Protein backbone atom coordinates (compact mmCIF):
# COMPACT_ATOMS: atom_id res chain seq x y z
CA UNK A 1 -36.15 22.30 153.33
CA UNK A 2 -37.20 20.64 156.57
CA UNK A 3 -40.83 20.99 155.58
CA UNK A 4 -40.04 19.39 152.26
CA UNK A 5 -37.96 16.46 153.44
CA UNK A 6 -39.30 15.61 156.88
CA UNK A 7 -41.27 12.47 156.16
CA UNK A 8 -43.83 13.41 158.85
CA UNK A 9 -44.69 16.86 157.51
CA UNK A 10 -43.95 16.71 153.77
CA UNK A 11 -46.76 17.70 151.40
CA UNK A 12 -48.37 15.00 149.32
CA UNK A 13 -46.15 14.03 146.37
CA UNK A 14 -47.50 14.45 142.86
CA UNK A 15 -48.62 11.07 141.60
CA UNK A 16 -46.09 9.62 139.17
CA UNK A 17 -47.12 8.40 135.74
CA UNK A 18 -45.09 7.22 132.76
CA UNK A 19 -45.18 8.00 129.04
CA UNK A 20 -43.98 5.22 126.75
CA UNK A 21 -41.43 6.32 124.12
CA UNK A 22 -40.89 3.80 121.30
CA UNK A 23 -37.86 3.67 118.98
CA UNK A 24 -37.56 6.42 116.41
CA UNK A 25 -38.00 5.71 112.68
CA UNK A 26 -35.19 3.94 110.86
CA UNK A 27 -33.02 6.32 108.80
CA UNK A 28 -33.36 5.95 105.04
CA UNK A 29 -29.68 6.68 104.36
CA UNK A 30 -28.34 3.72 106.36
CA UNK A 31 -28.14 -0.04 106.01
CA UNK A 32 -29.91 -1.98 108.77
CA UNK A 33 -28.46 -5.17 110.22
CA UNK A 34 -29.06 -7.56 113.12
CA UNK A 35 -25.54 -8.51 114.20
CA UNK A 36 -25.17 -11.85 115.98
CA UNK A 37 -23.14 -12.02 119.19
CA UNK A 38 -21.25 -15.11 120.43
CA UNK A 39 -24.27 -16.27 122.49
CA UNK A 40 -26.71 -15.91 119.59
CA UNK A 41 -28.26 -12.60 120.69
CA UNK A 42 -28.66 -10.16 117.80
CA UNK A 43 -27.98 -6.43 118.11
CA UNK A 44 -29.62 -3.84 115.85
CA UNK A 45 -26.98 -1.94 113.88
CA UNK A 46 -27.21 0.87 111.34
CA UNK A 47 -24.34 1.42 108.92
CA UNK A 48 -23.76 4.73 107.12
CA UNK A 49 -21.29 4.60 104.22
CA UNK A 50 -19.59 7.41 102.28
CA UNK A 51 -19.32 7.63 98.53
CA UNK A 52 -15.91 6.01 98.25
CA UNK A 53 -14.01 3.65 95.99
CA UNK A 54 -13.16 0.59 98.04
CA UNK A 55 -13.22 -0.23 101.74
CA UNK A 56 -13.06 2.52 104.37
CA UNK A 57 -12.16 2.87 108.05
CA UNK A 58 -15.23 2.65 110.27
CA UNK A 59 -16.19 4.52 113.43
CA UNK A 60 -18.41 2.58 115.83
CA UNK A 61 -20.83 3.98 118.41
CA UNK A 62 -22.76 1.69 120.77
CA UNK A 63 -25.53 3.33 122.81
CA UNK A 64 -28.55 2.55 125.04
CA UNK A 65 -30.46 5.72 124.03
CA UNK A 66 -31.92 4.66 120.64
CA UNK A 67 -29.74 4.90 117.55
CA UNK A 68 -32.77 6.42 115.80
CA UNK A 69 -33.88 8.75 118.63
CA UNK A 70 -33.25 12.35 119.66
CA UNK A 71 -31.14 11.97 122.81
CA UNK A 72 -27.93 11.49 120.81
CA UNK A 73 -27.87 13.52 117.55
CA UNK A 74 -26.62 10.65 115.37
CA UNK A 75 -27.32 12.53 112.13
CA UNK A 76 -24.79 15.26 113.03
CA UNK A 77 -22.05 12.71 113.66
CA UNK A 78 -22.98 10.68 110.58
CA UNK A 79 -22.83 13.73 108.32
CA UNK A 80 -19.44 14.76 109.71
CA UNK A 81 -17.93 11.30 109.33
CA UNK A 82 -19.30 10.66 105.85
CA UNK A 83 -18.01 14.05 104.69
CA UNK A 84 -14.55 12.93 105.80
CA UNK A 85 -14.65 9.51 104.18
CA UNK A 86 -15.43 7.33 107.20
CA UNK A 87 -18.02 4.64 107.56
CA UNK A 88 -20.21 4.95 110.65
CA UNK A 89 -21.75 1.99 112.50
CA UNK A 90 -24.32 2.78 115.21
CA UNK A 91 -25.70 0.04 117.44
CA UNK A 92 -28.39 -0.29 120.09
CA UNK A 93 -26.67 -2.12 122.94
CA UNK A 94 -27.99 -5.43 124.23
CA UNK A 95 -31.53 -5.26 125.58
CA UNK A 96 -32.29 -1.79 124.23
CA UNK A 97 -34.74 -0.74 121.54
CA UNK A 98 -34.42 -2.96 118.46
CA UNK A 99 -31.69 -5.17 119.96
CA UNK A 100 -32.32 -8.52 121.61
CA UNK A 101 -31.10 -9.76 124.99
CA UNK A 102 -31.35 -8.88 128.66
CA UNK A 103 -31.95 -5.24 129.61
CA UNK A 104 -29.04 -4.86 132.04
CA UNK A 105 -26.40 -2.11 131.71
CA UNK A 106 -22.61 -2.17 131.99
CA UNK A 107 -21.80 -5.88 132.12
CA UNK A 108 -22.20 -6.97 128.47
CA UNK A 109 -20.35 -4.18 126.69
CA UNK A 110 -16.89 -5.78 126.64
CA UNK A 111 -17.56 -8.90 124.56
CA UNK A 112 -20.48 -7.35 122.67
CA UNK A 113 -18.05 -4.64 121.60
CA UNK A 114 -15.50 -7.26 120.52
CA UNK A 115 -18.06 -9.26 118.53
CA UNK A 116 -19.39 -6.14 116.81
CA UNK A 117 -15.89 -5.08 115.76
CA UNK A 118 -15.27 -8.62 114.49
CA UNK A 119 -18.44 -8.37 112.38
CA UNK A 120 -17.42 -4.96 110.99
CA UNK A 121 -13.97 -6.05 109.83
CA UNK A 122 -15.50 -8.98 107.92
CA UNK A 123 -17.75 -6.72 105.83
CA UNK A 124 -16.72 -5.77 102.28
CA UNK A 125 -16.95 -2.03 103.01
CA UNK A 126 -14.48 -2.23 105.95
CA UNK A 127 -10.73 -1.81 105.49
CA UNK A 128 -10.12 -3.65 108.78
CA UNK A 129 -9.50 -0.56 110.92
CA UNK A 130 -12.08 0.48 113.53
CA UNK A 131 -12.32 3.45 115.86
CA UNK A 132 -14.95 4.29 118.46
CA UNK A 133 -16.56 7.54 119.60
CA UNK A 134 -19.28 8.70 121.97
CA UNK A 135 -19.98 10.29 125.33
CA UNK A 136 -21.24 9.06 128.69
CA UNK A 137 -22.46 5.44 128.36
CA UNK A 138 -21.22 5.32 124.76
CA UNK A 139 -17.82 6.42 126.05
CA UNK A 140 -17.88 3.71 128.70
CA UNK A 141 -18.68 1.17 125.95
CA UNK A 142 -15.39 2.16 124.29
CA UNK A 143 -13.38 1.42 127.43
CA UNK A 144 -15.20 -1.91 127.72
CA UNK A 145 -14.42 -2.86 124.11
CA UNK A 146 -10.79 -1.83 124.58
CA UNK A 147 -10.49 -4.27 127.49
CA UNK A 148 -10.88 -7.21 125.06
CA UNK A 149 -7.81 -6.26 122.96
CA UNK A 150 -9.45 -6.71 119.55
CA UNK A 151 -6.61 -6.14 117.05
CA UNK A 152 -8.80 -4.10 114.68
CA UNK A 153 -9.68 -1.49 117.32
CA UNK A 154 -7.06 1.16 116.57
CA UNK A 155 -8.28 4.33 118.34
CA UNK A 156 -11.00 5.44 120.75
CA UNK A 157 -12.38 8.87 121.68
CA UNK A 158 -14.34 8.54 124.97
CA UNK A 159 -16.02 11.74 126.13
CA UNK A 160 -17.49 12.69 129.52
CA UNK A 161 -17.12 9.20 130.92
CA UNK A 162 -14.87 6.94 132.97
CA UNK A 163 -14.28 3.27 133.70
CA UNK A 164 -16.52 3.30 136.81
CA UNK A 165 -19.54 4.89 135.16
CA UNK A 166 -22.77 3.72 136.77
CA UNK A 167 -21.37 3.00 140.22
CA UNK A 168 -23.30 4.62 143.05
CA UNK A 169 -19.92 5.36 144.63
CA UNK A 170 -18.22 7.09 141.73
CA UNK A 171 -14.89 6.77 143.53
CA UNK A 172 -14.21 4.30 146.36
CA UNK A 173 -15.00 5.94 149.70
CA UNK A 174 -17.42 8.52 148.34
CA UNK A 175 -21.00 9.06 149.50
CA UNK A 176 -23.64 7.28 147.46
CA UNK A 177 -25.02 9.01 144.37
CA UNK A 178 -28.76 8.60 143.71
CA UNK A 179 -28.24 8.96 139.96
CA UNK A 180 -27.57 5.29 139.07
CA UNK A 181 -30.90 4.24 140.56
CA UNK A 182 -32.80 6.94 138.68
CA UNK A 183 -30.89 6.01 135.54
CA UNK A 184 -31.98 2.38 135.82
CA UNK A 185 -35.62 3.41 136.20
CA UNK A 186 -35.46 5.89 133.31
CA UNK A 187 -33.36 3.98 130.78
CA UNK A 188 -33.19 0.32 131.77
CA UNK A 189 -36.70 -0.64 132.84
CA UNK A 190 -37.33 -2.23 129.43
CA UNK A 191 -36.11 -2.15 125.84
CA UNK A 192 -37.73 1.23 125.24
CA UNK A 193 -38.02 4.42 127.30
CA UNK A 194 -40.57 5.46 129.90
CA UNK A 195 -40.60 9.20 130.68
CA UNK A 196 -41.86 9.82 134.22
CA UNK A 197 -44.09 12.79 134.96
CA UNK A 198 -42.90 13.52 138.50
CA UNK A 199 -39.87 13.20 140.73
CA UNK A 200 -39.48 10.53 143.38
CA UNK A 201 -40.78 11.21 146.86
CA UNK A 202 -37.38 11.86 148.40
CA UNK A 203 -38.97 12.76 151.75
CA UNK A 204 -40.47 9.31 152.20
CA UNK A 205 -38.91 6.91 154.69
CA UNK A 206 -37.70 4.36 153.93
CA UNK A 207 -36.69 5.74 150.53
CA UNK A 208 -36.76 2.33 148.87
CA UNK A 209 -40.58 2.40 149.14
CA UNK A 210 -40.69 5.47 146.89
CA UNK A 211 -38.83 3.55 144.19
CA UNK A 212 -40.93 0.43 144.76
CA UNK A 213 -44.03 2.60 144.29
CA UNK A 214 -42.59 3.80 140.96
CA UNK A 215 -41.95 0.19 139.94
CA UNK A 216 -45.57 -0.66 140.74
CA UNK A 217 -46.89 2.29 138.73
CA UNK A 218 -44.63 1.44 135.80
CA UNK A 219 -45.67 -2.20 135.90
CA UNK A 220 -42.11 -3.35 135.19
CA UNK A 221 -39.33 -4.20 137.64
CA UNK A 222 -36.02 -3.23 136.02
CA UNK A 223 -33.73 -6.28 136.15
CA UNK A 224 -30.81 -4.07 137.16
CA UNK A 225 -32.46 -2.28 140.08
CA UNK A 226 -31.57 -4.93 142.65
CA UNK A 227 -28.11 -5.33 141.11
CA UNK A 228 -27.48 -1.64 141.76
CA UNK A 229 -28.34 -1.97 145.41
CA UNK A 230 -25.03 -3.83 145.70
CA UNK A 231 -21.59 -2.65 144.50
CA UNK A 232 -20.65 -3.47 140.90
CA UNK A 233 -17.43 -5.45 140.61
CA UNK A 234 -15.02 -4.69 137.79
CA UNK A 235 -14.79 -8.42 137.08
CA UNK A 236 -18.44 -8.36 136.01
CA UNK A 237 -17.95 -5.30 133.84
CA UNK A 238 -14.62 -6.28 132.32
CA UNK A 239 -14.36 -10.10 132.18
CA UNK A 240 -11.30 -9.91 129.91
CA UNK A 241 -9.42 -7.57 132.26
CA UNK A 242 -9.47 -3.89 133.14
CA UNK A 243 -9.25 -1.58 130.08
CA UNK A 244 -6.35 0.38 131.54
CA UNK A 245 -4.37 -2.88 131.53
CA UNK A 246 -5.13 -3.52 127.86
CA UNK A 247 -2.72 -3.19 124.96
CA UNK A 248 -2.15 0.54 124.34
CA UNK A 249 -3.88 2.26 121.43
CA UNK A 250 -4.38 6.00 120.80
CA UNK A 251 -6.97 7.53 123.14
CA UNK A 252 -8.53 10.99 122.92
CA UNK A 253 -10.08 11.49 126.36
CA UNK A 254 -12.40 14.51 126.55
CA UNK A 255 -13.80 15.68 129.89
CA UNK A 256 -15.98 18.58 131.00
CA UNK A 257 -14.61 20.50 133.96
CA UNK A 258 -18.20 21.06 135.14
CA UNK A 259 -19.21 17.40 134.96
CA UNK A 260 -19.37 16.47 138.67
CA UNK A 261 -20.15 12.79 138.13
CA UNK A 262 -17.69 11.82 135.39
CA UNK A 263 -14.72 14.18 135.35
CA UNK A 264 -13.25 13.28 138.75
CA UNK A 265 -12.79 9.59 138.06
CA UNK A 266 -12.15 10.33 134.38
CA UNK A 267 -9.07 12.24 135.50
CA UNK A 268 -8.21 9.34 137.82
CA UNK A 269 -8.25 7.11 134.71
CA UNK A 270 -6.01 9.66 132.98
CA UNK A 271 -3.48 9.73 135.83
CA UNK A 272 -3.47 5.93 136.01
CA UNK A 273 -2.88 5.48 132.31
CA UNK A 274 -0.24 8.21 132.14
CA UNK A 275 1.72 6.48 134.91
CA UNK A 276 2.22 3.53 132.55
CA UNK A 277 5.15 4.28 130.17
CA UNK A 278 3.67 1.93 127.57
CA UNK A 279 0.45 3.96 127.48
CA UNK A 280 1.48 7.57 127.98
CA UNK A 281 2.64 8.34 124.39
CA UNK A 282 -0.80 7.35 123.07
CA UNK A 283 -3.02 9.48 125.33
CA UNK A 284 -4.44 12.90 124.45
CA UNK A 285 -6.50 14.82 127.03
CA UNK A 286 -9.00 17.58 126.30
CA UNK A 287 -10.55 19.59 129.14
CA UNK A 288 -13.34 22.05 128.39
CA UNK A 289 -15.43 24.42 130.56
CA UNK A 290 -18.58 22.38 129.97
CA UNK A 291 -20.99 20.10 131.80
CA UNK A 292 -21.87 16.47 131.11
CA UNK A 293 -24.25 17.42 128.33
CA UNK A 294 -21.63 19.68 126.69
CA UNK A 295 -23.14 23.06 127.52
CA UNK A 296 -20.35 25.65 127.72
CA UNK A 297 -19.78 27.77 130.83
CA UNK A 298 -19.01 31.07 129.15
CA UNK A 299 -22.14 30.87 126.98
CA UNK A 300 -24.30 30.24 130.06
CA UNK A 301 -22.58 33.11 131.86
CA UNK A 302 -23.38 35.52 129.03
CA UNK A 303 -26.99 34.34 128.94
CA UNK A 304 -27.32 34.86 132.70
CA UNK A 305 -25.85 38.37 132.42
CA UNK A 306 -28.49 39.13 129.80
CA UNK A 307 -31.22 37.85 132.10
CA UNK A 308 -31.84 34.70 130.08
CA UNK A 309 -32.17 31.48 132.06
CA UNK A 310 -31.38 28.38 130.04
CA UNK A 311 -32.86 25.79 132.37
CA UNK A 312 -36.02 24.23 130.99
CA UNK A 313 -38.80 22.23 132.60
CA UNK A 314 -37.83 18.95 130.98
CA UNK A 315 -38.93 15.40 131.62
CA UNK A 316 -36.90 12.73 133.32
CA UNK A 317 -35.18 11.63 130.10
CA UNK A 318 -35.52 14.76 128.00
CA UNK A 319 -32.35 16.65 127.09
CA UNK A 320 -32.39 20.20 125.70
CA UNK A 321 -31.17 20.43 122.14
CA UNK A 322 -27.48 21.28 121.99
CA UNK A 323 -26.21 23.69 119.38
CA UNK A 324 -25.21 21.71 116.22
CA UNK A 325 -22.38 24.16 115.54
CA UNK A 326 -20.96 23.55 119.02
CA UNK A 327 -21.20 19.78 118.51
CA UNK A 328 -19.32 20.03 115.22
CA UNK A 329 -16.70 22.29 116.80
CA UNK A 330 -15.54 19.61 119.24
CA UNK A 331 -16.30 16.64 116.98
CA UNK A 332 -14.06 18.08 114.26
CA UNK A 333 -11.23 17.69 116.77
CA UNK A 334 -12.07 14.00 117.01
CA UNK A 335 -11.97 13.70 113.23
CA UNK A 336 -8.45 15.16 113.27
CA UNK A 337 -7.54 12.51 115.84
CA UNK A 338 -9.01 9.71 113.69
CA UNK A 339 -7.32 11.06 110.55
CA UNK A 340 -3.97 10.80 112.30
CA UNK A 341 -4.38 7.44 114.00
CA UNK A 342 -7.11 5.51 112.18
CA UNK A 343 -6.48 6.66 108.64
CA UNK A 344 -2.74 6.86 109.47
CA UNK A 345 -2.35 10.13 107.58
CA UNK A 346 1.14 11.32 108.50
CA UNK A 347 0.36 14.74 107.01
CA UNK A 348 -2.19 15.35 109.78
CA UNK A 349 -0.78 16.83 112.97
CA UNK A 350 -1.46 14.73 116.04
CA UNK A 351 -3.46 16.46 118.77
CA UNK A 352 -1.47 18.03 121.58
CA UNK A 353 -0.91 15.78 124.60
CA UNK A 354 -3.21 18.14 126.53
CA UNK A 355 -5.58 20.87 125.42
CA UNK A 356 -7.39 22.75 128.17
CA UNK A 357 -9.77 25.70 128.19
CA UNK A 358 -10.35 27.50 131.48
CA UNK A 359 -13.73 29.05 132.25
CA UNK A 360 -13.59 32.84 131.81
CA UNK A 361 -10.66 32.60 129.39
CA UNK A 362 -10.77 33.34 125.69
CA UNK A 363 -8.82 30.50 124.08
CA UNK A 364 -7.84 26.87 124.68
CA UNK A 365 -4.19 26.17 125.48
CA UNK A 366 -2.07 23.29 124.17
CA UNK A 367 0.51 21.89 126.55
CA UNK A 368 2.40 18.72 127.45
CA UNK A 369 0.73 17.63 130.70
CA UNK A 370 -2.06 18.24 133.20
CA UNK A 371 -1.76 20.11 135.43
CA UNK A 372 0.24 22.44 133.16
CA UNK A 373 3.98 22.18 133.82
CA UNK A 374 4.17 25.86 134.78
CA UNK A 375 1.48 25.54 137.47
CA UNK A 376 2.32 26.07 141.14
CA UNK A 377 0.69 25.49 144.51
CA UNK A 378 -1.13 28.24 146.41
CA UNK A 379 -2.12 27.63 150.04
CA UNK A 380 -5.12 29.27 151.70
CA UNK A 381 -5.81 28.75 155.39
CA UNK A 382 -9.23 28.23 156.92
CA UNK A 383 -9.57 30.72 159.77
CA UNK A 384 -12.10 32.62 161.87
CA UNK A 385 -10.62 36.10 162.14
CA UNK A 386 -10.98 38.16 165.31
CA UNK A 387 -13.76 37.65 167.81
CA UNK A 388 -16.94 36.34 166.20
CA UNK A 389 -15.87 37.14 162.64
CA UNK A 390 -17.24 34.85 159.95
CA UNK A 391 -15.04 31.99 158.74
CA UNK A 392 -12.39 33.15 156.30
CA UNK A 393 -9.98 31.91 153.67
CA UNK A 394 -6.70 33.58 154.52
CA UNK A 395 -3.31 33.59 152.81
CA UNK A 396 -1.47 34.22 156.08
CA UNK A 397 -3.30 31.95 158.51
CA UNK A 398 -3.50 32.54 162.26
CA UNK A 399 -1.93 31.15 165.43
CA UNK A 400 -5.29 31.06 167.21
CA UNK A 401 -6.65 27.50 167.25
CA UNK A 402 -10.42 27.05 167.18
CA UNK A 403 -12.82 24.22 166.54
CA UNK A 404 -15.78 25.07 164.31
CA UNK A 405 -18.88 22.92 164.04
CA UNK A 406 -21.80 22.29 161.74
CA UNK A 407 -24.79 20.00 161.97
CA UNK A 408 -25.89 17.04 159.90
CA UNK A 409 -29.64 16.81 160.31
CA UNK A 410 -31.04 13.97 158.18
CA UNK A 411 -34.54 15.40 158.75
CA UNK A 412 -33.49 18.53 156.84
CA UNK A 413 -30.56 17.77 154.53
CA UNK A 414 -28.92 20.55 152.55
CA UNK A 415 -30.68 20.61 149.17
CA UNK A 416 -28.92 19.93 145.88
CA UNK A 417 -28.68 23.08 143.77
CA UNK A 418 -29.51 21.60 140.37
CA UNK A 419 -32.40 19.57 139.04
CA UNK A 420 -30.03 17.57 136.85
CA UNK A 421 -26.34 17.31 137.81
CA UNK A 422 -25.63 16.59 134.14
CA UNK A 423 -26.80 20.11 133.24
CA UNK A 424 -24.78 22.01 135.84
CA UNK A 425 -23.78 24.64 133.29
CA UNK A 426 -27.11 24.63 131.47
CA UNK A 427 -28.98 25.37 134.71
CA UNK A 428 -26.18 27.71 135.91
CA UNK A 429 -27.38 27.77 139.54
CA UNK A 430 -26.66 30.40 142.16
CA UNK A 431 -25.26 28.61 145.23
CA UNK A 432 -25.61 31.59 147.58
CA UNK A 433 -28.77 30.18 149.26
CA UNK A 434 -26.69 27.40 150.84
CA UNK A 435 -23.96 29.65 152.27
CA UNK A 436 -25.63 30.13 155.64
CA UNK A 437 -27.30 28.06 158.33
CA UNK A 438 -26.20 25.58 160.96
CA UNK A 439 -25.74 22.79 158.39
CA UNK A 440 -23.00 24.63 156.48
CA UNK A 441 -19.63 26.26 157.10
CA UNK A 442 -18.65 28.81 154.44
CA UNK A 443 -15.10 30.24 154.44
CA UNK A 444 -14.85 33.44 152.41
CA UNK A 445 -11.72 34.90 150.89
CA UNK A 446 -11.00 38.56 150.26
CA UNK A 447 -11.97 40.07 146.89
CA UNK A 448 -9.19 39.69 144.35
CA UNK A 449 -7.27 42.68 143.01
CA UNK A 450 -6.25 40.75 139.91
CA UNK A 451 -7.33 37.57 138.09
CA UNK A 452 -6.44 34.20 139.58
CA UNK A 453 -6.16 31.25 137.17
CA UNK A 454 -6.98 27.90 138.76
CA UNK A 455 -5.69 24.99 136.68
CA UNK A 456 -5.48 21.64 138.39
CA UNK A 457 -6.26 19.70 141.55
CA UNK A 458 -7.75 21.34 144.64
CA UNK A 459 -7.21 19.56 147.98
CA UNK A 460 -8.45 20.21 151.51
CA UNK A 461 -6.22 19.11 154.39
CA UNK A 462 -7.96 19.12 157.76
CA UNK A 463 -8.56 17.50 161.13
CA UNK A 464 -12.23 16.58 161.48
CA UNK A 465 -14.48 14.78 163.95
CA UNK A 466 -18.09 13.62 164.16
CA UNK A 467 -20.32 12.63 167.04
CA UNK A 468 -21.55 9.75 164.87
CA UNK A 469 -19.71 6.66 163.68
CA UNK A 470 -18.94 8.23 160.30
CA UNK A 471 -19.54 11.44 158.40
CA UNK A 472 -19.98 12.65 154.87
CA UNK A 473 -17.91 15.68 153.94
CA UNK A 474 -18.98 17.64 150.87
CA UNK A 475 -16.49 20.34 149.91
CA UNK A 476 -17.31 22.89 147.24
CA UNK A 477 -15.23 25.78 145.88
CA UNK A 478 -17.31 28.70 144.62
CA UNK A 479 -16.83 32.06 142.90
CA UNK A 480 -18.51 34.78 144.98
CA UNK A 481 -19.42 37.63 142.66
CA UNK A 482 -19.61 41.27 143.87
CA UNK A 483 -23.43 41.13 143.94
CA UNK A 484 -23.42 38.08 146.23
CA UNK A 485 -24.14 35.47 143.57
CA UNK A 486 -22.10 32.29 144.04
CA UNK A 487 -21.09 30.14 141.07
CA UNK A 488 -19.56 26.68 140.88
CA UNK A 489 -15.81 26.11 140.42
CA UNK A 490 -15.12 22.58 141.70
CA UNK A 491 -16.23 20.04 144.27
CA UNK A 492 -15.34 16.80 146.04
CA UNK A 493 -16.85 14.51 148.65
CA UNK A 494 -15.75 11.72 150.98
CA UNK A 495 -17.30 9.37 153.52
CA UNK A 496 -15.05 9.41 156.57
CA UNK A 497 -14.61 7.35 159.72
CA UNK A 498 -14.00 10.15 162.20
CA UNK A 499 -15.60 9.16 165.51
CA UNK A 500 -12.13 10.05 166.80
CA UNK A 501 -10.37 13.14 165.40
CA UNK A 502 -8.95 12.24 162.00
CA UNK A 503 -6.44 13.99 159.76
CA UNK A 504 -7.75 13.90 156.21
CA UNK A 505 -6.91 14.94 152.66
CA UNK A 506 -10.04 15.38 150.55
CA UNK A 507 -9.99 16.10 146.84
CA UNK A 508 -12.11 19.13 145.93
CA UNK A 509 -11.94 18.07 142.31
CA UNK A 510 -10.08 19.77 139.50
CA UNK A 511 -10.50 23.48 138.86
CA UNK A 512 -10.24 25.06 135.44
CA UNK A 513 -11.37 28.59 136.14
CA UNK A 514 -10.20 32.20 136.03
CA UNK A 515 -11.44 34.13 139.07
CA UNK A 516 -12.04 37.73 138.04
CA UNK A 517 -11.00 40.91 139.92
CA UNK A 518 -13.38 41.89 142.75
CA UNK A 519 -14.55 38.27 142.97
CA UNK A 520 -13.81 36.07 145.99
CA UNK A 521 -13.29 32.39 146.62
CA UNK A 522 -15.69 30.63 148.99
CA UNK A 523 -15.07 27.17 150.41
CA UNK A 524 -18.24 25.41 151.57
CA UNK A 525 -18.33 22.44 153.97
CA UNK A 526 -21.51 20.44 154.59
CA UNK A 527 -22.55 16.84 155.23
CA UNK A 528 -25.44 16.43 152.81
CA UNK A 529 -26.35 17.27 149.22
CA UNK A 530 -29.79 15.78 148.74
CA UNK A 531 -31.15 14.21 146.63
CA UNK A 532 -28.05 14.05 144.40
CA UNK A 533 -26.38 12.06 147.19
CA UNK A 534 -28.01 9.69 149.67
CA UNK A 535 -27.14 10.97 153.16
CA UNK A 536 -26.09 9.11 156.25
CA UNK A 537 -29.02 8.32 158.51
CA UNK A 538 -26.98 8.84 161.68
CA UNK A 539 -27.90 5.28 162.66
CA UNK A 540 -26.69 1.87 161.52
CA UNK A 541 -29.36 1.84 158.78
CA UNK A 542 -28.52 2.60 155.15
CA UNK A 543 -30.58 5.54 153.84
CA UNK A 544 -32.48 3.33 151.42
CA UNK A 545 -33.94 1.32 154.31
CA UNK A 546 -33.77 3.78 157.23
CA UNK A 547 -37.00 4.27 159.18
CA UNK A 548 -35.43 6.53 161.80
CA UNK A 549 -32.61 9.06 161.71
CA UNK A 550 -30.21 10.71 164.14
CA UNK A 551 -28.58 14.14 163.88
CA UNK A 552 -24.82 14.42 164.32
CA UNK A 553 -22.38 17.27 164.88
CA UNK A 554 -19.25 17.61 162.76
CA UNK A 555 -16.18 19.68 163.62
CA UNK A 556 -13.03 20.99 161.97
CA UNK A 557 -9.89 22.50 163.51
CA UNK A 558 -8.77 25.86 162.10
CA UNK A 559 -5.72 27.94 162.95
CA UNK A 560 -2.36 26.91 164.32
CA UNK A 561 0.10 24.44 162.77
CA UNK A 562 -2.54 21.69 162.48
CA UNK A 563 -5.26 23.98 161.15
CA UNK A 564 -7.15 23.23 157.96
CA UNK A 565 -5.72 24.47 154.68
CA UNK A 566 -6.74 24.51 151.04
CA UNK A 567 -4.14 23.66 148.39
CA UNK A 568 -4.91 25.25 145.00
CA UNK A 569 -3.15 24.62 141.69
CA UNK A 570 -2.66 27.99 139.99
CA UNK A 571 -0.93 29.51 136.98
């Protein structure tokens, strides 16, 4: 990795080029409208209508990926909704494809959502009741529309999203994701798409020059690139107020347990909204063993066991085709939700407050809350064993106090294990290559005699220190298989001020996983995960602009009453 990322010795980067991708053809089975917003900008909108006598409830999806393109399989959703008597309105958001306006994400979706709903309810085919569906950005657009309190918006079904989507710090105090900057270049350079042929030169210092070179080759400077070099304020995103402070309506929140970018803060949104007594009766949570792009863990596991690798050599904006049957399987659950709350059909059973499906389990489980009410806490201690034994995860702990160290070398950061974080399950990586070396501490538990069901938050409590001014702490929980393969369970990360020893509590995400007999837990600590996250330079310079770097040493105390411990939620 040092040879790859050391700016002085890295091989020449493949020259980047771009392929222009125009909008797809307009569907023949839809009406086509240009819907005027309050400032006069018109947004391209397709309307699919069922064969019905009289007005119908309408489901709205607003997306930046081309309502006529292949990234989002609109035809599958349209067919399902029309079969069930719903109208379906699909809109290119402002500045994208056939819509007018500035090509800037996130900040226009609140009032554009309101104005679109207002247009829908004034059409003769609308019965005045509107719901919204969609994942990722289209899920975020639902939260934004909800923030405006339009009275006709009666139910939303956001999937694999959260109210902070697009922030480089997904949660306050986290290290900086590189994804939002790549997203701007891939999806928000202009109205249409530009598929790049090569990755960015992540070894180049300062990194900003690699992106500036891409801008020069593209010939377009995305309006939002500079905006994303500064934090996004909620006031810009939600000018009418935060969506979680809006008037309650039914929400079906669906999250993938293997979606490292969206699920963590998505569950933060869930906890926030459930703490409000006015909201909690209206919220339904679904957790599935899937990644951001809805690929299922157990299917990938079976493919890997058969020697089939699902990961494909795809372009920067290409997404492998998902199974239509799998899409319908989860979307039919949304239709049940809309039947109950949008159509107001009292004969339809409302979804359970929580439905979760653990990886390596056969069936989903309906319950009243998350974590499940029957869950308990299980503590594992980080320890070293006797003599020079490798770091361990121990149920009993030890009285012997030791300080263990690892290095953060910005010249050779620990590499990210996936090409696309959004396809964590689809790529199904083996994390065993990162379990050794001076840049990592890996604490290994004993092989299990019986299954262990993890179902809820995972938290690391520790005393840490760095020789720098601050440190990034990436914590990952893995499943170590008998053959040495290591698979993902959950993760978390924090940026810490620990120039003096600091007692910390770091979320390691939410686990939904059944560890099988003869498998072991492994807890991995490191201070880089590049290029998914932009590392600390070790100097006062932000990584984007750093021309020099400085290595630091991190430490953690294990053993004794103050020793590090891992708190698992188990069934």
